[in-house]
PDB file of all heavy atoms in Angstrom:
ATOM      1  N   ASP A   1      -6.152   4.430  -6.473  1.00  0.00           N
ATOM      2  CA  ASP A   1      -6.962   3.217  -6.535  1.00  0.00           C
ATOM      3  C   ASP A   1      -6.414   2.226  -5.508  1.00  0.00           C
ATOM      4  O   ASP A   1      -5.427   1.536  -5.748  1.00  0.00           O
ATOM      5  CB  ASP A   1      -6.889   2.627  -7.942  1.00  0.00           C
ATOM      6  CG  ASP A   1      -7.828   1.448  -8.140  1.00  0.00           C
ATOM      7  OD1 ASP A   1      -8.161   0.780  -7.146  1.00  0.00           O
ATOM      8  OD2 ASP A   1      -8.212   1.184  -9.293  1.00  0.00           O
ATOM      9  N   LEU A   2      -7.065   2.160  -4.355  1.00  0.00           N
ATOM     10  CA  LEU A   2      -6.585   1.313  -3.267  1.00  0.00           C
ATOM     11  C   LEU A   2      -6.538  -0.168  -3.655  1.00  0.00           C
ATOM     12  O   LEU A   2      -5.611  -0.894  -3.275  1.00  0.00           O
ATOM     13  CB  LEU A   2      -7.472   1.479  -2.032  1.00  0.00           C
ATOM     14  CG  LEU A   2      -7.043   2.532  -1.008  1.00  0.00           C
ATOM     15  CD1 LEU A   2      -8.062   2.584   0.122  1.00  0.00           C
ATOM     16  CD2 LEU A   2      -5.658   2.221  -0.462  1.00  0.00           C
ATOM     17  N   ASP A   3      -7.529  -0.605  -4.410  1.00  0.00           N
ATOM     18  CA  ASP A   3      -7.542  -2.009  -4.830  1.00  0.00           C
ATOM     19  C   ASP A   3      -6.344  -2.316  -5.714  1.00  0.00           C
ATOM     20  O   ASP A   3      -5.714  -3.372  -5.577  1.00  0.00           O
ATOM     21  CB  ASP A   3      -8.845  -2.330  -5.578  1.00  0.00           C
ATOM     22  CG  ASP A   3     -10.059  -2.315  -4.668  1.00  0.00           C
ATOM     23  OD1 ASP A   3      -9.884  -2.513  -3.446  1.00  0.00           O
ATOM     24  OD2 ASP A   3     -11.186  -2.121  -5.171  1.00  0.00           O
ATOM     25  N   ARG A   4      -6.023  -1.413  -6.619  1.00  0.00           N
ATOM     26  CA  ARG A   4      -4.866  -1.620  -7.488  1.00  0.00           C
ATOM     27  C   ARG A   4      -3.580  -1.664  -6.669  1.00  0.00           C
ATOM     28  O   ARG A   4      -2.698  -2.492  -6.920  1.00  0.00           O
ATOM     29  CB  ARG A   4      -4.782  -0.515  -8.545  1.00  0.00           C
ATOM     30  CG  ARG A   4      -3.569  -0.652  -9.459  1.00  0.00           C
ATOM     31  CD  ARG A   4      -3.668   0.254 -10.669  1.00  0.00           C
ATOM     32  NE  ARG A   4      -3.670   1.666 -10.306  1.00  0.00           N
ATOM     33  CZ  ARG A   4      -3.786   2.655 -11.194  1.00  0.00           C
ATOM     34  NH1 ARG A   4      -3.928   2.379 -12.483  1.00  0.00           N
ATOM     35  NH2 ARG A   4      -3.777   3.919 -10.804  1.00  0.00           N
ATOM     36  N   ALA A   5      -3.483  -0.781  -5.676  1.00  0.00           N
ATOM     37  CA  ALA A   5      -2.292  -0.772  -4.823  1.00  0.00           C
ATOM     38  C   ALA A   5      -2.148  -2.087  -4.067  1.00  0.00           C
ATOM     39  O   ALA A   5      -1.049  -2.652  -3.995  1.00  0.00           O
ATOM     40  CB  ALA A   5      -2.367   0.399  -3.844  1.00  0.00           C
ATOM     41  N   ARG A   6      -3.255  -2.594  -3.523  1.00  0.00           N
ATOM     42  CA  ARG A   6      -3.187  -3.839  -2.762  1.00  0.00           C
ATOM     43  C   ARG A   6      -2.803  -5.019  -3.650  1.00  0.00           C
ATOM     44  O   ARG A   6      -1.980  -5.862  -3.271  1.00  0.00           O
ATOM     45  CB  ARG A   6      -4.542  -4.102  -2.110  1.00  0.00           C
ATOM     46  CG  ARG A   6      -4.613  -5.283  -1.154  1.00  0.00           C
ATOM     47  CD  ARG A   6      -3.817  -5.049   0.117  1.00  0.00           C
ATOM     48  NE  ARG A   6      -2.432  -5.447   0.043  1.00  0.00           N
ATOM     49  CZ  ARG A   6      -1.488  -5.042   0.889  1.00  0.00           C
ATOM     50  NH1 ARG A   6      -1.784  -4.209   1.862  1.00  0.00           N
ATOM     51  NH2 ARG A   6      -0.247  -5.454   0.760  1.00  0.00           N
ATOM     52  N   VAL A   7      -3.396  -5.075  -4.836  1.00  0.00           N
ATOM     53  CA  VAL A   7      -3.094  -6.157  -5.760  1.00  0.00           C
ATOM     54  C   VAL A   7      -1.636  -6.098  -6.184  1.00  0.00           C
ATOM     55  O   VAL A   7      -0.931  -7.118  -6.217  1.00  0.00           O
ATOM     56  CB  VAL A   7      -4.020  -6.099  -6.992  1.00  0.00           C
ATOM     57  CG1 VAL A   7      -3.527  -7.050  -8.084  1.00  0.00           C
ATOM     58  CG2 VAL A   7      -5.446  -6.461  -6.600  1.00  0.00           C
ATOM     59  N   ALA A   8      -1.149  -4.892  -6.517  1.00  0.00           N
ATOM     60  CA  ALA A   8       0.235  -4.746  -6.947  1.00  0.00           C
ATOM     61  C   ALA A   8       1.205  -5.144  -5.843  1.00  0.00           C
ATOM     62  O   ALA A   8       2.198  -5.833  -6.090  1.00  0.00           O
ATOM     63  CB  ALA A   8       0.493  -3.306  -7.380  1.00  0.00           C
ATOM     64  N   ALA A   9       0.926  -4.705  -4.623  1.00  0.00           N
ATOM     65  CA  ALA A   9       1.798  -5.067  -3.498  1.00  0.00           C
ATOM     66  C   ALA A   9       1.820  -6.577  -3.296  1.00  0.00           C
ATOM     67  O   ALA A   9       2.891  -7.181  -3.140  1.00  0.00           O
ATOM     68  CB  ALA A   9       1.323  -4.359  -2.234  1.00  0.00           C
ATOM     69  N   ASP A  10       0.658  -7.205  -3.314  1.00  0.00           N
ATOM     70  CA  ASP A  10       0.581  -8.649  -3.098  1.00  0.00           C
ATOM     71  C   ASP A  10       1.302  -9.415  -4.205  1.00  0.00           C
ATOM     72  O   ASP A  10       2.014 -10.396  -3.938  1.00  0.00           O
ATOM     73  CB  ASP A  10      -0.876  -9.095  -3.019  1.00  0.00           C
ATOM     74  CG  ASP A  10      -1.596  -8.558  -1.784  1.00  0.00           C
ATOM     75  OD1 ASP A  10      -0.906  -8.045  -0.872  1.00  0.00           O
ATOM     76  OD2 ASP A  10      -2.838  -8.652  -1.737  1.00  0.00           O
ATOM     77  N   GLU A  11       1.110  -8.976  -5.453  1.00  0.00           N
ATOM     78  CA  GLU A  11       1.710  -9.683  -6.589  1.00  0.00           C
ATOM     79  C   GLU A  11       3.231  -9.638  -6.561  1.00  0.00           C
ATOM     80  O   GLU A  11       3.890 -10.521  -7.115  1.00  0.00           O
ATOM     81  CB  GLU A  11       1.205  -9.092  -7.906  1.00  0.00           C
ATOM     82  CG  GLU A  11      -0.225  -9.473  -8.253  1.00  0.00           C
ATOM     83  CD  GLU A  11      -0.666  -8.888  -9.576  1.00  0.00           C
ATOM     84  OE1 GLU A  11       0.057  -8.006 -10.110  1.00  0.00           O
ATOM     85  OE2 GLU A  11      -1.716  -9.299 -10.080  1.00  0.00           O
ATOM     86  N   HIS A  12       3.800  -8.618  -5.932  1.00  0.00           N
ATOM     87  CA  HIS A  12       5.252  -8.462  -5.931  1.00  0.00           C
ATOM     88  C   HIS A  12       5.875  -8.864  -4.590  1.00  0.00           C
ATOM     89  O   HIS A  12       7.000  -8.487  -4.289  1.00  0.00           O
ATOM     90  CB  HIS A  12       5.620  -7.024  -6.294  1.00  0.00           C
ATOM     91  CG  HIS A  12       5.338  -6.683  -7.728  1.00  0.00           C
ATOM     92  ND1 HIS A  12       4.106  -6.249  -8.149  1.00  0.00           N
ATOM     93  CD2 HIS A  12       6.118  -6.762  -8.847  1.00  0.00           C
ATOM     94  CE1 HIS A  12       4.128  -6.051  -9.452  1.00  0.00           C
ATOM     95  NE2 HIS A  12       5.326  -6.357  -9.895  1.00  0.00           N
ATOM     96  N   GLY A  13       5.117  -9.610  -3.798  1.00  0.00           N
ATOM     97  CA  GLY A  13       5.662 -10.151  -2.563  1.00  0.00           C
ATOM     98  C   GLY A  13       5.627  -9.216  -1.380  1.00  0.00           C
ATOM     99  O   GLY A  13       6.377  -9.405  -0.412  1.00  0.00           O
ATOM    100  N   TYR A  14       4.735  -8.218  -1.413  1.00  0.00           N
ATOM    101  CA  TYR A  14       4.657  -7.241  -0.329  1.00  0.00           C
ATOM    102  C   TYR A  14       3.299  -7.321   0.375  1.00  0.00           C
ATOM    103  O   TYR A  14       2.651  -6.300   0.619  1.00  0.00           O
ATOM    104  CB  TYR A  14       4.878  -5.836  -0.873  1.00  0.00           C
ATOM    105  CG  TYR A  14       6.262  -5.603  -1.439  1.00  0.00           C
ATOM    106  CD1 TYR A  14       6.445  -5.369  -2.798  1.00  0.00           C
ATOM    107  CD2 TYR A  14       7.379  -5.612  -0.611  1.00  0.00           C
ATOM    108  CE1 TYR A  14       7.710  -5.142  -3.317  1.00  0.00           C
ATOM    109  CE2 TYR A  14       8.651  -5.390  -1.125  1.00  0.00           C
ATOM    110  CZ  TYR A  14       8.810  -5.157  -2.485  1.00  0.00           C
ATOM    111  OH  TYR A  14      10.081  -4.937  -2.996  1.00  0.00           O
ATOM    112  N   ALA A  15       2.888  -8.522   0.697  1.00  0.00           N
ATOM    113  CA  ALA A  15       1.569  -8.700   1.312  1.00  0.00           C
ATOM    114  C   ALA A  15       1.459  -8.002   2.656  1.00  0.00           C
ATOM    115  O   ALA A  15       0.363  -7.614   3.081  1.00  0.00           O
ATOM    116  CB  ALA A  15       1.276 -10.200   1.472  1.00  0.00           C
ATOM    117  N   ASP A  16       2.569  -7.821   3.367  1.00  0.00           N
ATOM    118  CA  ASP A  16       2.539  -7.191   4.688  1.00  0.00           C
ATOM    119  C   ASP A  16       2.770  -5.683   4.644  1.00  0.00           C
ATOM    120  O   ASP A  16       2.750  -5.026   5.694  1.00  0.00           O
ATOM    121  CB  ASP A  16       3.610  -7.837   5.584  1.00  0.00           C
ATOM    122  CG  ASP A  16       3.343  -9.305   5.852  1.00  0.00           C
ATOM    123  OD1 ASP A  16       2.157  -9.696   5.856  1.00  0.00           O
ATOM    124  OD2 ASP A  16       4.316 -10.061   6.032  1.00  0.00           O
ATOM    125  N   VAL A  17       2.989  -5.148   3.443  1.00  0.00           N
ATOM    126  CA  VAL A  17       3.265  -3.716   3.306  1.00  0.00           C
ATOM    127  C   VAL A  17       1.948  -2.942   3.257  1.00  0.00           C
ATOM    128  O   VAL A  17       1.039  -3.311   2.506  1.00  0.00           O
ATOM    129  CB  VAL A  17       4.103  -3.450   2.040  1.00  0.00           C
ATOM    130  CG1 VAL A  17       4.167  -1.952   1.735  1.00  0.00           C
ATOM    131  CG2 VAL A  17       5.510  -4.011   2.201  1.00  0.00           C
ATOM    132  N   PRO A  18       1.823  -1.857   4.040  1.00  0.00           N
ATOM    133  CA  PRO A  18       0.572  -1.091   4.029  1.00  0.00           C
ATOM    134  C   PRO A  18       0.384  -0.317   2.732  1.00  0.00           C
ATOM    135  O   PRO A  18       1.354   0.098   2.098  1.00  0.00           O
ATOM    136  CB  PRO A  18       0.738  -0.138   5.211  1.00  0.00           C
ATOM    137  CG  PRO A  18       2.205   0.008   5.383  1.00  0.00           C
ATOM    138  CD  PRO A  18       2.794  -1.319   5.013  1.00  0.00           C
ATOM    139  N   VAL A  19      -0.868  -0.144   2.345  1.00  0.00           N
ATOM    140  CA  VAL A  19      -1.209   0.666   1.177  1.00  0.00           C
ATOM    141  C   VAL A  19      -2.159   1.774   1.615  1.00  0.00           C
ATOM    142  O   VAL A  19      -2.829   1.668   2.641  1.00  0.00           O
ATOM    143  CB  VAL A  19      -1.846  -0.174   0.057  1.00  0.00           C
ATOM    144  CG1 VAL A  19      -0.907  -1.289  -0.386  1.00  0.00           C
ATOM    145  CG2 VAL A  19      -3.192  -0.744   0.491  1.00  0.00           C
ATOM    146  N   ALA A  20      -2.181   2.850   0.817  1.00  0.00           N
ATOM    147  CA  ALA A  20      -3.051   3.983   1.146  1.00  0.00           C
ATOM    148  C   ALA A  20      -3.350   4.753  -0.126  1.00  0.00           C
ATOM    149  O   ALA A  20      -2.681   4.583  -1.154  1.00  0.00           O
ATOM    150  CB  ALA A  20      -2.391   4.897   2.180  1.00  0.00           C
ATOM    151  N   ALA A  21      -4.353   5.620  -0.034  1.00  0.00           N
ATOM    152  CA  ALA A  21      -4.740   6.419  -1.188  1.00  0.00           C
ATOM    153  C   ALA A  21      -4.000   7.751  -1.241  1.00  0.00           C
ATOM    154  O   ALA A  21      -4.095   8.480  -2.222  1.00  0.00           O
ATOM    155  CB  ALA A  21      -6.249   6.669  -1.175  1.00  0.00           C
ATOM    156  N   SER A  22      -3.253   8.084  -0.177  1.00  0.00           N
ATOM    157  CA  SER A  22      -2.509   9.343  -0.171  1.00  0.00           C
ATOM    158  C   SER A  22      -1.202   9.159   0.586  1.00  0.00           C
ATOM    159  O   SER A  22      -1.096   8.310   1.485  1.00  0.00           O
ATOM    160  CB  SER A  22      -3.323  10.469   0.466  1.00  0.00           C
ATOM    161  OG  SER A  22      -3.464  10.248   1.859  1.00  0.00           O
ATOM    162  N   LEU A  23      -0.229   9.958   0.227  1.00  0.00           N
ATOM    163  CA  LEU A  23       1.072   9.917   0.893  1.00  0.00           C
ATOM    164  C   LEU A  23       0.933  10.262   2.368  1.00  0.00           C
ATOM    165  O   LEU A  23       1.572   9.648   3.235  1.00  0.00           O
ATOM    166  CB  LEU A  23       2.019  10.906   0.194  1.00  0.00           C
ATOM    167  CG  LEU A  23       3.455  10.979   0.677  1.00  0.00           C
ATOM    168  CD1 LEU A  23       4.173   9.665   0.421  1.00  0.00           C
ATOM    169  CD2 LEU A  23       4.185  12.125  -0.035  1.00  0.00           C
ATOM    170  N   GLU A  24       0.085  11.231   2.668  1.00  0.00           N
ATOM    171  CA  GLU A  24      -0.079  11.701   4.046  1.00  0.00           C
ATOM    172  C   GLU A  24      -0.480  10.580   4.996  1.00  0.00           C
ATOM    173  O   GLU A  24      -0.094  10.565   6.162  1.00  0.00           O
ATOM    174  CB  GLU A  24      -1.132  12.818   4.083  1.00  0.00           C
ATOM    175  CG  GLU A  24      -0.704  14.115   3.407  1.00  0.00           C
ATOM    176  CD  GLU A  24      -0.769  14.053   1.888  1.00  0.00           C
ATOM    177  OE1 GLU A  24      -1.297  13.058   1.355  1.00  0.00           O
ATOM    178  OE2 GLU A  24      -0.280  14.995   1.229  1.00  0.00           O
ATOM    179  N   GLU A  25      -1.261   9.611   4.496  1.00  0.00           N
ATOM    180  CA  GLU A  25      -1.746   8.531   5.346  1.00  0.00           C
ATOM    181  C   GLU A  25      -0.630   7.607   5.820  1.00  0.00           C
ATOM    182  O   GLU A  25      -0.761   6.940   6.848  1.00  0.00           O
ATOM    183  CB  GLU A  25      -2.786   7.700   4.585  1.00  0.00           C
ATOM    184  CG  GLU A  25      -4.065   8.447   4.257  1.00  0.00           C
ATOM    185  CD  GLU A  25      -5.013   7.591   3.440  1.00  0.00           C
ATOM    186  OE1 GLU A  25      -5.324   6.456   3.888  1.00  0.00           O
ATOM    187  OE2 GLU A  25      -5.427   8.023   2.343  1.00  0.00           O
ATOM    188  N   LEU A  26       0.484   7.555   5.063  1.00  0.00           N
ATOM    189  CA  LEU A  26       1.535   6.589   5.385  1.00  0.00           C
ATOM    190  C   LEU A  26       2.802   7.203   5.961  1.00  0.00           C
ATOM    191  O   LEU A  26       3.619   6.483   6.539  1.00  0.00           O
ATOM    192  CB  LEU A  26       1.906   5.783   4.134  1.00  0.00           C
ATOM    193  CG  LEU A  26       0.898   4.749   3.644  1.00  0.00           C
ATOM    194  CD1 LEU A  26       1.463   3.994   2.447  1.00  0.00           C
ATOM    195  CD2 LEU A  26       0.514   3.780   4.741  1.00  0.00           C
ATOM    196  N   VAL A  27       2.984   8.502   5.802  1.00  0.00           N
ATOM    197  CA  VAL A  27       4.252   9.118   6.204  1.00  0.00           C
ATOM    198  C   VAL A  27       4.568   8.856   7.665  1.00  0.00           C
ATOM    199  O   VAL A  27       5.669   8.410   8.009  1.00  0.00           O
ATOM    200  CB  VAL A  27       4.233  10.631   5.918  1.00  0.00           C
ATOM    201  CG1 VAL A  27       5.378  11.318   6.630  1.00  0.00           C
ATOM    202  CG2 VAL A  27       4.332  10.894   4.422  1.00  0.00           C
ATOM    203  N   ASP A  28       3.627   9.109   8.547  1.00  0.00           N
ATOM    204  CA  ASP A  28       3.903   9.021   9.984  1.00  0.00           C
ATOM    205  C   ASP A  28       4.101   7.584  10.456  1.00  0.00           C
ATOM    206  O   ASP A  28       4.955   7.311  11.299  1.00  0.00           O
ATOM    207  CB  ASP A  28       2.773   9.678  10.777  1.00  0.00           C
ATOM    208  CG  ASP A  28       2.759  11.188  10.597  1.00  0.00           C
ATOM    209  OD1 ASP A  28       3.824  11.742  10.288  1.00  0.00           O
ATOM    210  OD2 ASP A  28       1.686  11.787  10.763  1.00  0.00           O
ATOM    211  N   ARG A  29       3.338   6.646   9.905  1.00  0.00           N
ATOM    212  CA  ARG A  29       3.403   5.281  10.430  1.00  0.00           C
ATOM    213  C   ARG A  29       4.359   4.367   9.670  1.00  0.00           C
ATOM    214  O   ARG A  29       4.567   3.227  10.081  1.00  0.00           O
ATOM    215  CB  ARG A  29       2.007   4.650  10.467  1.00  0.00           C
ATOM    216  CG  ARG A  29       1.274   4.533   9.168  1.00  0.00           C
ATOM    217  CD  ARG A  29      -0.178   4.116   9.439  1.00  0.00           C
ATOM    218  NE  ARG A  29      -0.996   3.997   8.259  1.00  0.00           N
ATOM    219  CZ  ARG A  29      -1.269   2.840   7.659  1.00  0.00           C
ATOM    220  NH1 ARG A  29      -0.770   1.714   8.150  1.00  0.00           N
ATOM    221  NH2 ARG A  29      -2.043   2.797   6.597  1.00  0.00           N
ATOM    222  N   SER A  30       4.967   4.863   8.613  1.00  0.00           N
ATOM    223  CA  SER A  30       5.855   3.997   7.832  1.00  0.00           C
ATOM    224  C   SER A  30       7.324   4.166   8.187  1.00  0.00           C
ATOM    225  O   SER A  30       8.144   3.334   7.826  1.00  0.00           O
ATOM    226  CB  SER A  30       5.688   4.301   6.334  1.00  0.00           C
ATOM    227  OG  SER A  30       6.151   5.618   6.047  1.00  0.00           O
TER     228      SER A  30
END
């Protein structure tokens, strides 16, 4: 749930942290 990930990141002070629906989407660029 991308919306849940974005909300959770923002609520915990990670507004600049990328979110994704799969691990594969973030492995290379993180």
